[in-house]
Amino acid sequence: MARRGYYAVQNGRSNGVFDSWDECRSQVNGYNGAVYKKFNTLAEAQAFSGSGKSDTGYGSNTTFPNGDRGSSSYGSNPTSYRERSPRSSSGSYGSLRSYNGDRKFSYATEHNRKPQNFTSSQKEHYNRASRGSTTNSGGQKFYAVKSSNPNVADQVFETWADCQRYVAGKGGLSYRKVASKSDAVDFINGSSSKDYHHIGIQEREFTQRYKKNNASNATIEQCNVYCDGSALSNGQSNSRAGYGVYFANGQEDNISEPLTSGAPTNNRAEILAVSSALDIIWHNLSEKESLVKYQIKTDSEYVSKLLNDRYMGYDEKKMKELPNGDLVKPLIQKYAKVKKFYEVNESSFGDAKFRIDWVKGHAGDAGNEMADELARQGACRA
């Protein structure tokens, strides 16, 4: 097993400590003058990210874990990186998750490249200011990009051209034109006034029933949950489908099942994979009272976009009209339940929103490959 590292960003889209290279990379790739470094301990990483100085030097080129190239200095200290990139002239807003679980929003302009960061605890103040200063002033619009791809940061742009350039060639992104910065923040955060309606319960009753009294210093386990569907001979008369779910930290919860109702299509299998994962997650959280922060990962852009933003504009009539509506409605209900569970228990789990991560299929992700194999096994039994 590879030794765990901590990735400290001293100068990037957001400064702080991140526990994976992918999270760190999204803060520094393309950021002019980015300074970042990997450490073996959290204390060292925190000290570096907040020190305001760097012992980083330029040396021989090194290939990073994702295949990018940059500069690295060698010696007794941990590997450090500094990245140079062309300066962008367009204003943009970005959001991301830092090591402490806060969600931050940043805005950089041509004249001030240092982002102004807002944690989610400051969101309401930010929204009030935004509504007063930038709500459709002079017909101005904003373009919000919401990412289900953990390697790509959320962004808000002031021009459609900048938005187009950002999303081109990237998977797992949704985008929308909105009237204000606060609307953009709501879109990115996945705020929905209809969640309790989808669940079929009043907010007060849900909170009373499911809010836990966990100690604030309780240890929270992290668990990635990979979901996949498989359709053998998809679209043909002899098609068979199945779905698989792989729990990285608890394989006793793994699922491998054939698709037994409806058309044996890949989309139905993908929906059922995530729906079944949510069943297990909800049981573990609400019945077993597990202190686990689950992260669902799927290679289905259809499912990730559906749950991260599209369902928020759906009413009962719209859901009935959707393809696979018999599966979509319960899927949305289950997702909203888990999402709201984490929200009412943010004192225990942190205020990072529960979302669905999109991962590229058949790209070497071990968890995705495991889910794919479980799905294939299920399809073979159909």
Protein backbone atom coordinates (compact mmCIF):
# COMPACT_ATOMS: atom_id res chain seq x y z
CA MET A 1 0.00 0.00 0.00
CA ALA A 2 1.38 3.41 -0.94
CA ARG A 3 2.28 5.68 1.97
CA ARG A 4 -0.26 8.43 2.50
CA GLY A 5 0.82 11.98 1.81
CA TYR A 6 -0.56 15.47 2.37
CA TYR A 7 -0.51 18.04 -0.41
CA ALA A 8 -0.02 21.63 0.76
CA VAL A 9 -0.90 24.55 -1.51
CA GLN A 10 0.85 27.77 -0.52
CA ASN A 11 -0.24 29.76 -3.56
CA GLY A 12 -3.09 28.52 -5.74
CA ARG A 13 -6.78 28.95 -6.40
CA SER A 14 -7.24 28.04 -2.76
CA ASN A 15 -4.45 27.66 -0.21
CA GLY A 16 -4.62 24.79 2.25
CA VAL A 17 -3.93 21.09 2.72
CA PHE A 18 -5.46 18.38 0.54
CA ASP A 19 -5.29 14.63 1.01
CA SER A 20 -5.06 13.60 -2.64
CA TRP A 21 -3.06 14.66 -5.66
CA ASP A 22 -6.24 15.11 -7.71
CA GLU A 23 -7.62 17.67 -5.23
CA CYS A 24 -4.32 19.52 -5.12
CA ARG A 25 -3.97 19.48 -8.89
CA SER A 26 -7.34 21.18 -9.40
CA GLN A 27 -6.08 24.13 -7.34
CA VAL A 28 -2.76 24.62 -9.11
CA ASN A 29 -3.08 23.49 -12.73
CA GLY A 30 -3.18 26.61 -14.88
CA TYR A 31 -2.73 28.94 -11.89
CA ASN A 32 0.03 31.48 -12.42
CA GLY A 33 2.86 31.13 -9.87
CA ALA A 34 1.33 28.15 -8.06
CA VAL A 35 3.42 26.80 -5.16
CA TYR A 36 2.65 23.40 -3.67
CA LYS A 37 4.41 20.54 -1.96
CA LYS A 38 3.84 17.00 -0.69
CA PHE A 39 4.54 16.14 2.96
CA ASN A 40 4.42 12.98 5.03
CA THR A 41 2.66 14.61 8.00
CA LEU A 42 -0.34 16.91 8.30
CA ALA A 43 1.49 19.28 10.66
CA GLU A 44 4.28 19.91 8.14
CA ALA A 45 1.76 20.45 5.36
CA GLN A 46 -0.26 22.92 7.42
CA ALA A 47 2.88 24.84 8.35
CA PHE A 48 3.94 25.10 4.71
CA SER A 49 0.55 26.16 3.38
CA GLY A 50 0.27 29.00 5.88
CA SER A 51 3.92 30.07 6.08
CA GLY A 52 3.87 32.61 3.27
CA LYS A 53 7.25 31.45 1.96
CA SER A 54 8.60 28.52 0.03
CA ASP A 55 11.84 26.58 -0.09
CA THR A 56 10.84 25.32 -3.51
CA GLY A 57 13.40 25.54 -6.28
CA TYR A 58 13.42 24.76 -9.97
CA GLY A 59 15.14 21.60 -11.05
CA SER A 60 14.82 18.80 -13.53
CA ASN A 61 11.45 18.10 -15.09
CA THR A 62 9.36 15.46 -13.37
CA THR A 63 6.26 13.61 -14.49
CA PHE A 64 3.49 13.95 -11.90
CA PRO A 65 1.03 11.18 -11.01
CA ASN A 66 -1.44 12.32 -13.66
CA GLY A 67 1.15 12.55 -16.40
CA ASP A 68 1.53 16.34 -16.21
CA ARG A 69 5.02 17.75 -16.27
CA GLY A 70 6.46 20.35 -13.97
CA SER A 71 9.55 21.27 -11.96
CA SER A 72 10.77 19.43 -8.91
CA SER A 73 13.59 20.01 -6.44
CA TYR A 74 15.36 17.06 -4.90
CA GLY A 75 17.10 16.63 -1.56
CA SER A 76 16.22 15.61 1.98
CA ASN A 77 12.99 17.56 1.91
CA PRO A 78 9.79 16.11 0.43
CA THR A 79 9.21 16.68 -3.26
CA SER A 80 7.96 20.16 -4.03
CA TYR A 81 6.38 21.64 -7.12
CA ARG A 82 5.98 25.07 -8.63
CA GLU A 83 3.97 25.64 -11.75
CA ARG A 84 4.05 28.44 -14.30
CA SER A 85 1.16 29.13 -16.62
CA PRO A 86 -0.04 31.87 -18.96
CA ARG A 87 -2.02 34.63 -17.28
CA SER A 88 -5.72 34.58 -17.99
CA SER A 89 -7.37 37.92 -18.65
CA SER A 90 -10.95 36.93 -17.91
CA GLY A 91 -12.68 37.19 -14.55
CA SER A 92 -13.85 33.92 -13.09
CA TYR A 93 -15.13 32.48 -9.85
CA GLY A 94 -14.15 29.06 -8.59
CA SER A 95 -15.14 26.67 -5.84
CA LEU A 96 -13.48 23.63 -4.35
CA ARG A 97 -13.14 21.46 -1.29
CA SER A 98 -10.20 22.03 1.03
CA TYR A 99 -8.72 19.52 3.48
CA ASN A 100 -10.95 20.65 6.35
CA GLY A 101 -14.08 19.97 4.32
CA ASP A 102 -15.07 23.60 3.78
CA ARG A 103 -16.29 24.59 0.38
CA LYS A 104 -14.61 27.74 -0.87
CA PHE A 105 -15.51 30.21 -3.57
CA SER A 106 -12.95 32.43 -5.22
CA TYR A 107 -13.01 35.30 -7.68
CA ALA A 108 -9.98 36.45 -9.61
CA THR A 109 -9.74 39.38 -12.02
CA GLU A 110 -7.19 40.55 -14.53
CA HIS A 111 -5.89 43.17 -12.09
CA ASN A 112 -5.97 41.07 -8.94
CA ARG A 113 -5.00 37.44 -9.41
CA LYS A 114 -5.18 36.66 -5.69
CA PRO A 115 -8.57 34.98 -5.17
CA GLN A 116 -10.90 36.18 -2.45
CA ASN A 117 -12.02 32.98 -0.70
CA PHE A 118 -15.35 32.32 0.99
CA THR A 119 -16.01 29.24 3.09
CA SER A 120 -19.49 27.80 3.09
CA SER A 121 -20.02 29.20 6.61
CA GLN A 122 -19.74 32.69 5.05
CA LYS A 123 -22.07 31.83 2.18
CA GLU A 124 -25.17 33.65 3.48
CA HIS A 125 -23.24 36.89 3.96
CA TYR A 126 -21.77 36.48 0.48
CA ASN A 127 -25.19 35.84 -1.01
CA ARG A 128 -26.71 38.93 0.59
CA ALA A 129 -23.91 41.08 -0.76
CA SER A 130 -24.21 39.48 -4.17
CA ARG A 131 -27.94 40.08 -4.35
CA GLY A 132 -27.44 43.72 -3.52
CA SER A 133 -24.62 44.39 -5.94
CA THR A 134 -24.78 42.03 -8.88
CA THR A 135 -28.33 40.86 -9.39
CA ASN A 136 -28.75 41.27 -13.11
CA SER A 137 -27.19 44.73 -13.09
CA GLY A 138 -27.65 46.19 -16.54
CA GLY A 139 -28.74 42.81 -17.83
CA GLN A 140 -25.46 41.16 -16.79
CA LYS A 141 -25.49 37.37 -16.68
CA PHE A 142 -23.22 34.81 -15.09
CA TYR A 143 -22.36 31.32 -16.29
CA ALA A 144 -22.03 28.72 -13.55
CA VAL A 145 -20.13 25.49 -14.15
CA LYS A 146 -20.85 22.68 -11.72
CA SER A 147 -18.42 19.79 -11.77
CA SER A 148 -19.07 16.15 -10.92
CA ASN A 149 -15.47 15.53 -11.96
CA PRO A 150 -13.14 15.68 -8.92
CA ASN A 151 -10.28 16.71 -11.20
CA VAL A 152 -12.06 19.85 -12.43
CA ALA A 153 -13.06 22.76 -10.18
CA ASP A 154 -16.46 24.45 -10.22
CA GLN A 155 -16.32 27.90 -11.81
CA VAL A 156 -18.45 30.97 -12.48
CA PHE A 157 -17.74 33.13 -15.53
CA GLU A 158 -18.94 36.51 -16.70
CA THR A 159 -18.93 35.64 -20.41
CA TRP A 160 -20.27 32.70 -22.38
CA ALA A 161 -17.03 32.53 -24.38
CA ASP A 162 -14.98 31.95 -21.21
CA CYS A 163 -17.47 29.32 -20.06
CA GLN A 164 -17.28 27.52 -23.40
CA ARG A 165 -13.49 27.43 -23.30
CA TYR A 166 -13.53 26.00 -19.78
CA VAL A 167 -15.97 23.15 -20.43
CA ALA A 168 -14.64 22.14 -23.85
CA GLY A 169 -13.34 18.58 -23.85
CA LYS A 170 -14.03 17.94 -20.15
CA GLY A 171 -16.39 15.28 -18.83
CA GLY A 172 -18.71 15.43 -15.85
CA LEU A 173 -19.63 19.13 -16.13
CA SER A 174 -23.01 20.88 -16.08
CA TYR A 175 -23.44 24.58 -16.74
CA ARG A 176 -26.19 27.15 -16.58
CA LYS A 177 -26.77 30.83 -17.26
CA VAL A 178 -27.93 32.64 -14.10
CA ALA A 179 -28.84 36.19 -13.15
CA SER A 180 -26.54 36.71 -10.15
CA LYS A 181 -23.49 35.41 -8.35
CA SER A 182 -25.68 34.15 -5.51
CA ASP A 183 -27.74 32.13 -7.99
CA ALA A 184 -24.48 30.68 -9.29
CA VAL A 185 -23.44 29.69 -5.76
CA ASP A 186 -26.81 28.01 -5.18
CA PHE A 187 -26.48 26.09 -8.44
CA ILE A 188 -22.97 24.90 -7.57
CA ASN A 189 -23.95 24.00 -4.00
CA GLY A 190 -26.93 21.98 -5.17
CA SER A 191 -29.42 23.99 -3.12
CA SER A 192 -32.97 22.78 -3.71
CA SER A 193 -36.15 23.90 -1.99
CA LYS A 194 -37.89 20.70 -3.14
CA ASP A 195 -35.74 18.10 -1.39
CA TYR A 196 -38.12 17.51 1.52
CA HIS A 197 -41.01 17.32 -0.93
CA HIS A 198 -39.16 14.59 -2.82
CA ILE A 199 -38.51 12.75 0.45
CA GLY A 200 -42.14 13.10 1.53
CA ILE A 201 -41.48 14.60 4.96
CA GLN A 202 -41.43 18.02 6.59
CA GLU A 203 -38.00 19.50 7.34
CA ARG A 204 -38.71 19.76 11.07
CA GLU A 205 -39.79 16.13 11.33
CA PHE A 206 -36.79 14.93 9.33
CA THR A 207 -34.41 16.87 11.59
CA GLN A 208 -36.04 15.58 14.78
CA ARG A 209 -35.90 12.01 13.54
CA TYR A 210 -32.40 11.88 12.06
CA LYS A 211 -30.23 14.49 13.76
CA LYS A 212 -27.57 12.66 15.79
CA ASN A 213 -25.91 13.70 19.03
CA ASN A 214 -22.41 12.62 18.12
CA ALA A 215 -19.40 14.03 19.89
CA SER A 216 -17.84 16.86 17.90
CA ASN A 217 -14.46 15.09 18.03
CA ALA A 218 -15.82 11.73 16.88
CA THR A 219 -13.72 9.96 14.26
CA ILE A 220 -15.34 10.05 10.83
CA GLU A 221 -14.46 7.31 8.37
CA GLN A 222 -14.29 8.09 4.65
CA CYS A 223 -15.58 5.53 2.16
CA ASN A 224 -15.63 5.71 -1.64
CA VAL A 225 -18.51 3.83 -3.24
CA TYR A 226 -18.11 2.94 -6.92
CA CYS A 227 -21.20 2.21 -9.02
CA ASP A 228 -21.44 0.80 -12.52
CA GLY A 229 -23.91 -0.79 -14.91
CA SER A 230 -23.27 -3.31 -17.65
CA ALA A 231 -25.38 -4.22 -20.67
CA LEU A 232 -24.14 -7.18 -22.70
CA SER A 233 -25.13 -6.88 -26.38
CA ASN A 234 -26.70 -3.50 -25.52
CA GLY A 235 -29.53 -2.56 -27.89
CA GLN A 236 -29.91 -6.05 -29.33
CA SER A 237 -32.72 -8.56 -28.84
CA ASN A 238 -30.54 -10.79 -26.66
CA SER A 239 -29.28 -7.95 -24.44
CA ARG A 240 -28.70 -8.69 -20.75
CA ALA A 241 -27.89 -6.14 -18.08
CA GLY A 242 -26.65 -6.02 -14.51
CA TYR A 243 -25.27 -3.57 -11.99
CA GLY A 244 -22.48 -3.54 -9.45
CA VAL A 245 -21.50 -1.52 -6.39
CA TYR A 246 -18.06 -1.64 -4.79
CA PHE A 247 -17.58 -0.27 -1.25
CA ALA A 248 -13.87 0.44 -0.95
CA ASN A 249 -13.84 0.22 2.87
CA GLY A 250 -16.53 -2.38 3.47
CA GLN A 251 -16.74 -5.10 0.87
CA GLU A 252 -19.46 -6.95 2.80
CA ASP A 253 -21.81 -4.31 1.33
CA ASN A 254 -20.78 -4.99 -2.28
CA ILE A 255 -23.59 -5.58 -4.77
CA SER A 256 -23.70 -7.65 -7.97
CA GLU A 257 -27.19 -8.12 -9.36
CA PRO A 258 -28.93 -8.79 -12.69
CA LEU A 259 -31.41 -6.28 -14.08
CA THR A 260 -34.76 -8.05 -13.81
CA SER A 261 -37.33 -5.41 -14.82
CA GLY A 262 -37.75 -3.12 -17.78
CA ALA A 263 -35.55 -2.91 -20.84
CA PRO A 264 -32.04 -4.34 -20.26
CA THR A 265 -30.25 -1.07 -21.06
CA ASN A 266 -27.06 0.41 -19.72
CA ASN A 267 -28.81 3.54 -18.39
CA ARG A 268 -31.25 1.50 -16.32
CA ALA A 269 -28.37 -0.53 -14.93
CA GLU A 270 -26.41 2.64 -14.05
CA ILE A 271 -29.45 4.11 -12.28
CA LEU A 272 -30.05 0.93 -10.27
CA ALA A 273 -26.39 0.75 -9.26
CA VAL A 274 -26.48 4.19 -7.63
CA SER A 275 -29.98 3.60 -6.26
CA SER A 276 -28.87 0.35 -4.59
CA ALA A 277 -25.77 2.04 -3.18
CA LEU A 278 -27.95 4.75 -1.66
CA ASP A 279 -30.11 2.05 -0.02
CA ILE A 280 -27.06 0.59 1.73
CA ILE A 281 -25.69 4.01 2.67
CA TRP A 282 -29.02 5.13 4.11
CA HIS A 283 -29.35 1.93 6.15
CA ASN A 284 -25.84 2.27 7.53
CA LEU A 285 -26.32 5.93 8.45
CA SER A 286 -29.85 5.83 9.85
CA GLU A 287 -30.10 2.32 11.34
CA LYS A 288 -26.53 1.30 12.17
CA GLU A 289 -25.60 4.92 12.99
CA SER A 290 -22.32 4.58 11.13
CA LEU A 291 -20.01 7.59 11.29
CA VAL A 292 -19.00 7.31 7.65
CA LYS A 293 -18.79 10.04 5.03
CA TYR A 294 -19.66 8.18 1.85
CA GLN A 295 -18.67 9.42 -1.60
CA ILE A 296 -20.46 7.84 -4.56
CA LYS A 297 -18.48 7.62 -7.79
CA THR A 298 -20.01 6.67 -11.14
CA ASP A 299 -18.86 6.75 -14.75
CA SER A 300 -22.41 7.66 -15.83
CA GLU A 301 -22.60 11.36 -16.69
CA TYR A 302 -26.35 10.91 -17.02
CA VAL A 303 -26.73 9.87 -13.37
CA SER A 304 -24.18 12.32 -11.94
CA LYS A 305 -25.75 15.30 -13.70
CA LEU A 306 -29.27 14.14 -12.87
CA LEU A 307 -28.56 14.06 -9.14
CA ASN A 308 -26.16 16.96 -8.86
CA ASP A 309 -28.38 19.53 -10.54
CA ARG A 310 -31.03 18.49 -13.05
CA TYR A 311 -33.58 17.02 -10.66
CA MET A 312 -33.88 20.35 -8.84
CA GLY A 313 -36.04 21.69 -11.64
CA TYR A 314 -38.27 18.61 -11.85
CA ASP A 315 -41.82 18.35 -10.57
CA GLU A 316 -43.92 15.19 -10.34
CA LYS A 317 -45.21 15.57 -13.90
CA LYS A 318 -41.71 16.01 -15.32
CA MET A 319 -40.36 12.97 -13.51
CA LYS A 320 -43.16 10.79 -14.86
CA GLU A 321 -42.33 11.93 -18.39
CA LEU A 322 -38.63 11.08 -18.10
CA PRO A 323 -37.21 7.95 -19.69
CA ASN A 324 -36.86 5.35 -16.93
CA GLY A 325 -39.13 7.46 -14.74
CA ASP A 326 -40.02 4.37 -12.70
CA LEU A 327 -36.40 4.28 -11.51
CA VAL A 328 -35.62 8.00 -11.52
CA LYS A 329 -38.25 9.02 -8.96
CA PRO A 330 -37.09 6.65 -6.18
CA LEU A 331 -33.45 7.42 -7.06
CA ILE A 332 -34.03 11.13 -6.45
CA GLN A 333 -35.86 10.42 -3.20
CA LYS A 334 -33.01 8.27 -1.89
CA TYR A 335 -30.38 10.80 -2.92
CA ALA A 336 -32.26 13.66 -1.25
CA LYS A 337 -32.53 11.65 1.99
CA VAL A 338 -28.79 10.99 2.22
CA LYS A 339 -27.98 14.56 1.17
CA LYS A 340 -30.24 16.03 3.87
CA PHE A 341 -28.95 13.56 6.48
CA TYR A 342 -25.45 14.91 6.04
CA GLU A 343 -26.72 18.49 6.09
CA VAL A 344 -28.59 18.16 9.40
CA ASN A 345 -25.56 16.39 10.88
CA GLU A 346 -22.90 18.72 9.53
CA SER A 347 -21.57 19.28 13.07
CA SER A 348 -20.38 15.67 12.91
CA PHE A 349 -19.61 15.21 9.22
CA GLY A 350 -18.53 18.71 8.15
CA ASP A 351 -20.34 21.04 5.78
CA ALA A 352 -18.98 19.71 2.48
CA LYS A 353 -22.07 18.89 0.42
CA PHE A 354 -22.94 15.32 -0.53
CA ARG A 355 -22.59 15.05 -4.30
CA ILE A 356 -22.02 12.39 -6.92
CA ASP A 357 -18.53 12.26 -8.40
CA TRP A 358 -18.11 11.39 -12.06
CA VAL A 359 -15.11 9.22 -12.97
CA LYS A 360 -13.98 8.26 -16.43
CA GLY A 361 -14.77 4.64 -17.15
CA HIS A 362 -12.13 2.11 -18.19
CA ALA A 363 -9.35 4.57 -17.36
CA GLY A 364 -7.47 2.54 -14.77
CA ASP A 365 -9.42 3.58 -11.65
CA ALA A 366 -9.24 0.46 -9.48
CA GLY A 367 -12.57 1.09 -7.75
CA ASN A 368 -14.36 1.70 -11.03
CA GLU A 369 -12.88 -1.48 -12.47
CA MET A 370 -14.11 -3.47 -9.46
CA ALA A 371 -17.64 -2.08 -9.87
CA ASP A 372 -17.51 -2.85 -13.59
CA GLU A 373 -16.61 -6.47 -12.89
CA LEU A 374 -19.42 -6.80 -10.34
CA ALA A 375 -21.84 -5.34 -12.91
CA ARG A 376 -20.67 -7.79 -15.57
CA GLN A 377 -21.12 -10.70 -13.19
CA GLY A 378 -24.65 -9.50 -12.52
CA ALA A 379 -25.41 -9.19 -16.24
CA CYS A 380 -24.17 -12.73 -16.85
CA ARG A 381 -26.78 -14.02 -14.41
CA ALA A 382 -29.66 -12.18 -16.11
